[in-house]
Amino acid sequence: MADEKPTLVLHLVSGGEPLLFTVHPEDVPELTKQLHLYLDHGSVETIRTKDDVPLQINFAHVAVAYIDDQRKGKVFGLH
């Protein structure tokens, strides 16, 4: 089985290229459930990367956020 590479994709309100962070596969179900709340409330949340690096993300500056799987070789909206 190929290595899982679930990736948090963040499109910032200010524009530019999206930010991509590979997240812990075991965190994906909870993150997927909570992501819309982080965006709705513009909260600051700590997200753990696959390498156990904690990231503090201010979702007030994020326009679009979703989880994608980098094994597909393509992220939504990018070619």
PDB file of N, CA and C in Angstrom:
ATOM      1  N   MET A   1       0.849  -1.171   0.000  1.00  0.00           N
ATOM      2  CA  MET A   1       0.000   0.000   0.000  1.00  0.00           C
ATOM      3  C   MET A   1       0.896   1.236   0.000  1.00  0.00           C
ATOM      4  N   ALA A   2       0.526   2.236  -0.778  1.00  0.00           N
ATOM      5  CA  ALA A   2       1.288   3.479  -0.868  1.00  0.00           C
ATOM      6  C   ALA A   2       1.189   4.250   0.447  1.00  0.00           C
ATOM      7  N   ASP A   3       2.229   5.006   0.702  1.00  0.00           N
ATOM      8  CA  ASP A   3       2.273   5.834   1.909  1.00  0.00           C
ATOM      9  C   ASP A   3       1.185   6.898   1.845  1.00  0.00           C
ATOM     10  N   GLU A   4       0.384   6.992   2.904  1.00  0.00           N
ATOM     11  CA  GLU A   4      -0.658   8.018   2.969  1.00  0.00           C
ATOM     12  C   GLU A   4      -0.016   9.385   3.115  1.00  0.00           C
ATOM     13  N   LYS A   5      -0.521  10.351   2.350  1.00  0.00           N
ATOM     14  CA  LYS A   5      -0.033  11.714   2.451  1.00  0.00           C
ATOM     15  C   LYS A   5      -1.207  12.687   2.506  1.00  0.00           C
ATOM     16  N   PRO A   6      -2.048  12.563   3.547  1.00  0.00           N
ATOM     17  CA  PRO A   6      -3.141  13.526   3.652  1.00  0.00           C
ATOM     18  C   PRO A   6      -2.556  14.921   3.885  1.00  0.00           C
ATOM     19  N   THR A   7      -3.050  15.861   3.117  1.00  0.00           N
ATOM     20  CA  THR A   7      -2.493  17.210   3.123  1.00  0.00           C
ATOM     21  C   THR A   7      -3.572  18.235   3.414  1.00  0.00           C
ATOM     22  N   LEU A   8      -3.288  19.124   4.355  1.00  0.00           N
ATOM     23  CA  LEU A   8      -4.151  20.257   4.625  1.00  0.00           C
ATOM     24  C   LEU A   8      -3.785  21.337   3.618  1.00  0.00           C
ATOM     25  N   VAL A   9      -4.764  21.742   2.818  1.00  0.00           N
ATOM     26  CA  VAL A   9      -4.557  22.766   1.797  1.00  0.00           C
ATOM     27  C   VAL A   9      -5.261  24.033   2.268  1.00  0.00           C
ATOM     28  N   LEU A  10      -4.492  25.126   2.347  1.00  0.00           N
ATOM     29  CA  LEU A  10      -5.033  26.404   2.796  1.00  0.00           C
ATOM     30  C   LEU A  10      -4.871  27.444   1.700  1.00  0.00           C
ATOM     31  N   HIS A  11      -5.973  28.041   1.280  1.00  0.00           N
ATOM     32  CA  HIS A  11      -5.959  29.169   0.357  1.00  0.00           C
ATOM     33  C   HIS A  11      -6.214  30.410   1.207  1.00  0.00           C
ATOM     34  N   LEU A  12      -5.247  31.308   1.250  1.00  0.00           N
ATOM     35  CA  LEU A  12      -5.355  32.493   2.094  1.00  0.00           C
ATOM     36  C   LEU A  12      -6.233  33.562   1.459  1.00  0.00           C
ATOM     37  N   VAL A  13      -6.853  34.364   2.296  1.00  0.00           N
ATOM     38  CA  VAL A  13      -7.694  35.463   1.850  1.00  0.00           C
ATOM     39  C   VAL A  13      -6.887  36.429   0.978  1.00  0.00           C
ATOM     40  N   SER A  14      -5.629  36.620   1.301  1.00  0.00           N
ATOM     41  CA  SER A  14      -4.771  37.560   0.581  1.00  0.00           C
ATOM     42  C   SER A  14      -4.358  37.062  -0.796  1.00  0.00           C
ATOM     43  N   GLY A  15      -4.689  35.819  -1.136  1.00  0.00           N
ATOM     44  CA  GLY A  15      -4.349  35.264  -2.438  1.00  0.00           C
ATOM     45  C   GLY A  15      -2.991  34.583  -2.431  1.00  0.00           C
ATOM     46  N   GLY A  16      -2.445  34.375  -3.616  1.00  0.00           N
ATOM     47  CA  GLY A  16      -1.158  33.699  -3.743  1.00  0.00           C
ATOM     48  C   GLY A  16      -1.337  32.191  -3.833  1.00  0.00           C
ATOM     49  N   GLU A  17      -0.220  31.510  -3.841  1.00  0.00           N
ATOM     50  CA  GLU A  17      -0.231  30.048  -3.919  1.00  0.00           C
ATOM     51  C   GLU A  17      -0.781  29.457  -2.618  1.00  0.00           C
ATOM     52  N   PRO A  18      -1.477  28.326  -2.710  1.00  0.00           N
ATOM     53  CA  PRO A  18      -1.979  27.688  -1.485  1.00  0.00           C
ATOM     54  C   PRO A  18      -0.827  27.148  -0.635  1.00  0.00           C
ATOM     55  N   LEU A  19      -1.064  27.069   0.653  1.00  0.00           N
ATOM     56  CA  LEU A  19      -0.115  26.475   1.585  1.00  0.00           C
ATOM     57  C   LEU A  19      -0.499  25.015   1.769  1.00  0.00           C
ATOM     58  N   LEU A  20       0.483  24.119   1.730  1.00  0.00           N
ATOM     59  CA  LEU A  20       0.245  22.681   1.840  1.00  0.00           C
ATOM     60  C   LEU A  20       1.000  22.136   3.048  1.00  0.00           C
ATOM     61  N   PHE A  21       0.285  21.421   3.914  1.00  0.00           N
ATOM     62  CA  PHE A  21       0.889  20.825   5.093  1.00  0.00           C
ATOM     63  C   PHE A  21       0.455  19.366   5.178  1.00  0.00           C
ATOM     64  N   THR A  22       1.411  18.446   5.150  1.00  0.00           N
ATOM     65  CA  THR A  22       1.090  17.035   5.325  1.00  0.00           C
ATOM     66  C   THR A  22       0.765  16.813   6.796  1.00  0.00           C
ATOM     67  N   VAL A  23      -0.429  16.273   7.047  1.00  0.00           N
ATOM     68  CA  VAL A  23      -0.887  16.095   8.424  1.00  0.00           C
ATOM     69  C   VAL A  23      -0.833  14.633   8.835  1.00  0.00           C
ATOM     70  N   HIS A  24      -0.865  14.395  10.136  1.00  0.00           N
ATOM     71  CA  HIS A  24      -0.869  13.052  10.689  1.00  0.00           C
ATOM     72  C   HIS A  24      -2.119  12.308  10.204  1.00  0.00           C
ATOM     73  N   PRO A  25      -1.976  11.140   9.586  1.00  0.00           N
ATOM     74  CA  PRO A  25      -3.156  10.397   9.110  1.00  0.00           C
ATOM     75  C   PRO A  25      -4.188  10.132  10.200  1.00  0.00           C
ATOM     76  N   GLU A  26      -3.742   9.924  11.432  1.00  0.00           N
ATOM     77  CA  GLU A  26      -4.696   9.636  12.509  1.00  0.00           C
ATOM     78  C   GLU A  26      -5.481  10.887  12.930  1.00  0.00           C
ATOM     79  N   ASP A  27      -5.003  12.076  12.570  1.00  0.00           N
ATOM     80  CA  ASP A  27      -5.700  13.322  12.901  1.00  0.00           C
ATOM     81  C   ASP A  27      -6.724  13.728  11.845  1.00  0.00           C
ATOM     82  N   VAL A  28      -6.683  13.088  10.690  1.00  0.00           N
ATOM     83  CA  VAL A  28      -7.534  13.491   9.561  1.00  0.00           C
ATOM     84  C   VAL A  28      -9.031  13.419   9.861  1.00  0.00           C
ATOM     85  N   PRO A  29      -9.559  12.349  10.444  1.00  0.00           N
ATOM     86  CA  PRO A  29     -11.008  12.309  10.685  1.00  0.00           C
ATOM     87  C   PRO A  29     -11.512  13.472  11.551  1.00  0.00           C
ATOM     88  N   GLU A  30     -10.827  13.778  12.629  1.00  0.00           N
ATOM     89  CA  GLU A  30     -11.250  14.870  13.514  1.00  0.00           C
ATOM     90  C   GLU A  30     -11.051  16.218  12.839  1.00  0.00           C
ATOM     91  N   LEU A  31      -9.935  16.388  12.161  1.00  0.00           N
ATOM     92  CA  LEU A  31      -9.673  17.645  11.455  1.00  0.00           C
ATOM     93  C   LEU A  31     -10.730  17.891  10.376  1.00  0.00           C
ATOM     94  N   THR A  32     -11.102  16.853   9.663  1.00  0.00           N
ATOM     95  CA  THR A  32     -12.128  16.971   8.625  1.00  0.00           C
ATOM     96  C   THR A  32     -13.459  17.405   9.222  1.00  0.00           C
ATOM     97  N   LYS A  33     -13.798  16.857  10.382  1.00  0.00           N
ATOM     98  CA  LYS A  33     -15.057  17.228  11.046  1.00  0.00           C
ATOM     99  C   LYS A  33     -15.046  18.660  11.564  1.00  0.00           C
ATOM    100  N   GLN A  34     -13.894  19.140  12.016  1.00  0.00           N
ATOM    101  CA  GLN A  34     -13.809  20.439  12.671  1.00  0.00           C
ATOM    102  C   GLN A  34     -13.433  21.587  11.734  1.00  0.00           C
ATOM    103  N   LEU A  35     -12.932  21.293  10.563  1.00  0.00           N
ATOM    104  CA  LEU A  35     -12.394  22.319   9.671  1.00  0.00           C
ATOM    105  C   LEU A  35     -13.392  23.430   9.362  1.00  0.00           C
ATOM    106  N   HIS A  36     -14.639  23.068   9.118  1.00  0.00           N
ATOM    107  CA  HIS A  36     -15.635  24.099   8.809  1.00  0.00           C
ATOM    108  C   HIS A  36     -15.874  25.030   9.999  1.00  0.00           C
ATOM    109  N   LEU A  37     -15.760  24.492  11.209  1.00  0.00           N
ATOM    110  CA  LEU A  37     -15.934  25.335  12.406  1.00  0.00           C
ATOM    111  C   LEU A  37     -14.771  26.307  12.574  1.00  0.00           C
ATOM    112  N   TYR A  38     -13.549  25.845  12.278  1.00  0.00           N
ATOM    113  CA  TYR A  38     -12.390  26.720  12.360  1.00  0.00           C
ATOM    114  C   TYR A  38     -12.560  27.907  11.412  1.00  0.00           C
ATOM    115  N   LEU A  39     -13.062  27.624  10.204  1.00  0.00           N
ATOM    116  CA  LEU A  39     -13.274  28.689   9.221  1.00  0.00           C
ATOM    117  C   LEU A  39     -14.424  29.602   9.628  1.00  0.00           C
ATOM    118  N   ASP A  40     -15.529  29.009  10.094  1.00  0.00           N
ATOM    119  CA  ASP A  40     -16.695  29.809  10.507  1.00  0.00           C
ATOM    120  C   ASP A  40     -16.356  30.791  11.622  1.00  0.00           C
ATOM    121  N   HIS A  41     -15.534  30.342  12.571  1.00  0.00           N
ATOM    122  CA  HIS A  41     -15.235  31.149  13.747  1.00  0.00           C
ATOM    123  C   HIS A  41     -13.932  31.937  13.618  1.00  0.00           C
ATOM    124  N   GLY A  42     -13.159  31.652  12.575  1.00  0.00           N
ATOM    125  CA  GLY A  42     -11.883  32.353  12.418  1.00  0.00           C
ATOM    126  C   GLY A  42     -10.953  32.123  13.584  1.00  0.00           C
ATOM    127  N   SER A  43     -10.967  30.910  14.094  1.00  0.00           N
ATOM    128  CA  SER A  43     -10.190  30.611  15.302  1.00  0.00           C
ATOM    129  C   SER A  43      -8.727  30.298  14.978  1.00  0.00           C
ATOM    130  N   VAL A  44      -7.898  30.344  16.011  1.00  0.00           N
ATOM    131  CA  VAL A  44      -6.500  29.930  15.901  1.00  0.00           C
ATOM    132  C   VAL A  44      -6.436  28.510  16.461  1.00  0.00           C
ATOM    133  N   GLU A  45      -5.953  27.594  15.634  1.00  0.00           N
ATOM    134  CA  GLU A  45      -5.915  26.183  16.017  1.00  0.00           C
ATOM    135  C   GLU A  45      -4.519  25.616  15.809  1.00  0.00           C
ATOM    136  N   THR A  46      -4.173  24.641  16.630  1.00  0.00           N
ATOM    137  CA  THR A  46      -2.905  23.937  16.474  1.00  0.00           C
ATOM    138  C   THR A  46      -3.153  22.668  15.677  1.00  0.00           C
ATOM    139  N   ILE A  47      -2.433  22.540  14.578  1.00  0.00           N
ATOM    140  CA  ILE A  47      -2.520  21.368  13.707  1.00  0.00           C
ATOM    141  C   ILE A  47      -1.170  20.673  13.763  1.00  0.00           C
ATOM    142  N   ARG A  48      -1.185  19.343  13.895  1.00  0.00           N
ATOM    143  CA  ARG A  48       0.054  18.565  13.977  1.00  0.00           C
ATOM    144  C   ARG A  48       0.412  18.030  12.595  1.00  0.00           C
ATOM    145  N   THR A  49       1.640  18.285  12.150  1.00  0.00           N
ATOM    146  CA  THR A  49       2.081  17.758  10.866  1.00  0.00           C
ATOM    147  C   THR A  49       2.446  16.281  11.010  1.00  0.00           C
ATOM    148  N   LYS A  50       2.688  15.654   9.879  1.00  0.00           N
ATOM    149  CA  LYS A  50       3.059  14.238   9.883  1.00  0.00           C
ATOM    150  C   LYS A  50       4.346  14.011  10.674  1.00  0.00           C
ATOM    151  N   ASP A  51       5.217  15.032  10.722  1.00  0.00           N
ATOM    152  CA  ASP A  51       6.489  14.936  11.446  1.00  0.00           C
ATOM    153  C   ASP A  51       6.382  15.413  12.893  1.00  0.00           C
ATOM    154  N   ASP A  52       5.149  15.517  13.408  1.00  0.00           N
ATOM    155  CA  ASP A  52       4.888  15.952  14.789  1.00  0.00           C
ATOM    156  C   ASP A  52       5.305  17.387  15.073  1.00  0.00           C
ATOM    157  N   VAL A  53       5.261  18.226  14.071  1.00  0.00           N
ATOM    158  CA  VAL A  53       5.537  19.647  14.266  1.00  0.00           C
ATOM    159  C   VAL A  53       4.197  20.350  14.454  1.00  0.00           C
ATOM    160  N   PRO A  54       4.016  21.029  15.595  1.00  0.00           N
ATOM    161  CA  PRO A  54       2.745  21.747  15.802  1.00  0.00           C
ATOM    162  C   PRO A  54       2.739  23.072  15.036  1.00  0.00           C
ATOM    163  N   LEU A  55       1.665  23.319  14.301  1.00  0.00           N
ATOM    164  CA  LEU A  55       1.479  24.569  13.574  1.00  0.00           C
ATOM    165  C   LEU A  55       0.292  25.297  14.171  1.00  0.00           C
ATOM    166  N   GLN A  56       0.439  26.577  14.444  1.00  0.00           N
ATOM    167  CA  GLN A  56      -0.682  27.382  14.890  1.00  0.00           C
ATOM    168  C   GLN A  56      -1.180  28.145  13.662  1.00  0.00           C
ATOM    169  N   ILE A  57      -2.420  27.868  13.283  1.00  0.00           N
ATOM    170  CA  ILE A  57      -2.994  28.466  12.086  1.00  0.00           C
ATOM    171  C   ILE A  57      -4.132  29.385  12.491  1.00  0.00           C
ATOM    172  N   ASN A  58      -4.063  30.622  12.007  1.00  0.00           N
ATOM    173  CA  ASN A  58      -5.123  31.598  12.247  1.00  0.00           C
ATOM    174  C   ASN A  58      -6.098  31.486  11.071  1.00  0.00           C
ATOM    175  N   PHE A  59      -7.210  30.812  11.303  1.00  0.00           N
ATOM    176  CA  PHE A  59      -8.177  30.555  10.239  1.00  0.00           C
ATOM    177  C   PHE A  59      -8.963  31.807   9.832  1.00  0.00           C
ATOM    178  N   ALA A  60      -8.773  32.918  10.538  1.00  0.00           N
ATOM    179  CA  ALA A  60      -9.390  34.174  10.122  1.00  0.00           C
ATOM    180  C   ALA A  60      -8.768  34.674   8.818  1.00  0.00           C
ATOM    181  N   HIS A  61      -7.575  34.175   8.483  1.00  0.00           N
ATOM    182  CA  HIS A  61      -6.872  34.584   7.266  1.00  0.00           C
ATOM    183  C   HIS A  61      -6.991  33.555   6.153  1.00  0.00           C
ATOM    184  N   VAL A  62      -7.814  32.534   6.360  1.00  0.00           N
ATOM    185  CA  VAL A  62      -7.961  31.454   5.390  1.00  0.00           C
ATOM    186  C   VAL A  62      -9.312  31.566   4.692  1.00  0.00           C
ATOM    187  N   ALA A  63      -9.291  31.564   3.358  1.00  0.00           N
ATOM    188  CA  ALA A  63     -10.528  31.644   2.578  1.00  0.00           C
ATOM    189  C   ALA A  63     -11.109  30.256   2.338  1.00  0.00           C
ATOM    190  N   VAL A  64     -10.244  29.293   2.023  1.00  0.00           N
ATOM    191  CA  VAL A  64     -10.673  27.924   1.719  1.00  0.00           C
ATOM    192  C   VAL A  64      -9.681  26.962   2.354  1.00  0.00           C
ATOM    193  N   ALA A  65     -10.201  25.911   2.970  1.00  0.00           N
ATOM    194  CA  ALA A  65      -9.348  24.883   3.563  1.00  0.00           C
ATOM    195  C   ALA A  65      -9.986  23.525   3.318  1.00  0.00           C
ATOM    196  N   TYR A  66      -9.149  22.554   2.974  1.00  0.00           N
ATOM    197  CA  TYR A  66      -9.645  21.195   2.770  1.00  0.00           C
ATOM    198  C   TYR A  66      -8.498  20.206   2.911  1.00  0.00           C
ATOM    199  N   ILE A  67      -8.863  18.939   3.057  1.00  0.00           N
ATOM    200  CA  ILE A  67      -7.887  17.854   3.129  1.00  0.00           C
ATOM    201  C   ILE A  67      -7.858  17.183   1.771  1.00  0.00           C
ATOM    202  N   ASP A  68      -6.653  16.968   1.242  1.00  0.00           N
ATOM    203  CA  ASP A  68      -6.473  16.275  -0.023  1.00  0.00           C
ATOM    204  C   ASP A  68      -5.418  15.205   0.184  1.00  0.00           C
ATOM    205  N   ASP A  69      -5.357  14.266  -0.744  1.00  0.00           N
ATOM    206  CA  ASP A  69      -4.382  13.178  -0.656  1.00  0.00           C
ATOM    207  C   ASP A  69      -3.356  13.375  -1.763  1.00  0.00           C
ATOM    208  N   GLN A  70      -2.133  13.690  -1.398  1.00  0.00           N
ATOM    209  CA  GLN A  70      -1.081  13.991  -2.368  1.00  0.00           C
ATOM    210  C   GLN A  70      -0.654  12.790  -3.205  1.00  0.00           C
ATOM    211  N   ARG A  71      -1.104  11.578  -2.874  1.00  0.00           N
ATOM    212  CA  ARG A  71      -0.771  10.415  -3.700  1.00  0.00           C
ATOM    213  C   ARG A  71      -1.386  10.545  -5.083  1.00  0.00           C
ATOM    214  N   LYS A  72      -2.462  11.306  -5.187  1.00  0.00           N
ATOM    215  CA  LYS A  72      -3.131  11.473  -6.467  1.00  0.00           C
ATOM    216  C   LYS A  72      -2.287  12.310  -7.422  1.00  0.00           C
ATOM    217  N   GLY A  73      -1.276  13.000  -6.896  1.00  0.00           N
ATOM    218  CA  GLY A  73      -0.382  13.776  -7.725  1.00  0.00           C
ATOM    219  C   GLY A  73      -0.951  15.106  -8.176  1.00  0.00           C
ATOM    220  N   LYS A  74      -2.121  15.451  -7.699  1.00  0.00           N
ATOM    221  CA  LYS A  74      -2.760  16.695  -8.114  1.00  0.00           C
ATOM    222  C   LYS A  74      -3.651  17.183  -6.986  1.00  0.00           C
ATOM    223  N   VAL A  75      -3.623  18.469  -6.742  1.00  0.00           N
ATOM    224  CA  VAL A  75      -4.465  19.056  -5.716  1.00  0.00           C
ATOM    225  C   VAL A  75      -5.574  19.826  -6.418  1.00  0.00           C
ATOM    226  N   PHE A  76      -6.768  19.790  -5.891  1.00  0.00           N
ATOM    227  CA  PHE A  76      -7.898  20.514  -6.464  1.00  0.00           C
ATOM    228  C   PHE A  76      -7.498  21.954  -6.760  1.00  0.00           C
ATOM    229  N   GLY A  77      -7.790  22.401  -7.967  1.00  0.00           N
ATOM    230  CA  GLY A  77      -7.514  23.775  -8.333  1.00  0.00           C
ATOM    231  C   GLY A  77      -6.104  24.015  -8.851  1.00  0.00           C
ATOM    232  N   LEU A  78      -5.251  23.027  -8.795  1.00  0.00           N
ATOM    233  CA  LEU A  78      -3.876  23.164  -9.283  1.00  0.00           C
ATOM    234  C   LEU A  78      -3.637  22.142 -10.384  1.00  0.00           C
ATOM    235  N   HIS A  79      -2.758  22.463 -11.303  1.00  0.00           N
ATOM    236  CA  HIS A  79      -2.443  21.536 -12.400  1.00  0.00           C
ATOM    237  C   HIS A  79      -0.986  21.161 -12.368  1.00  0.00           C
TER     238      HIS A  79
END
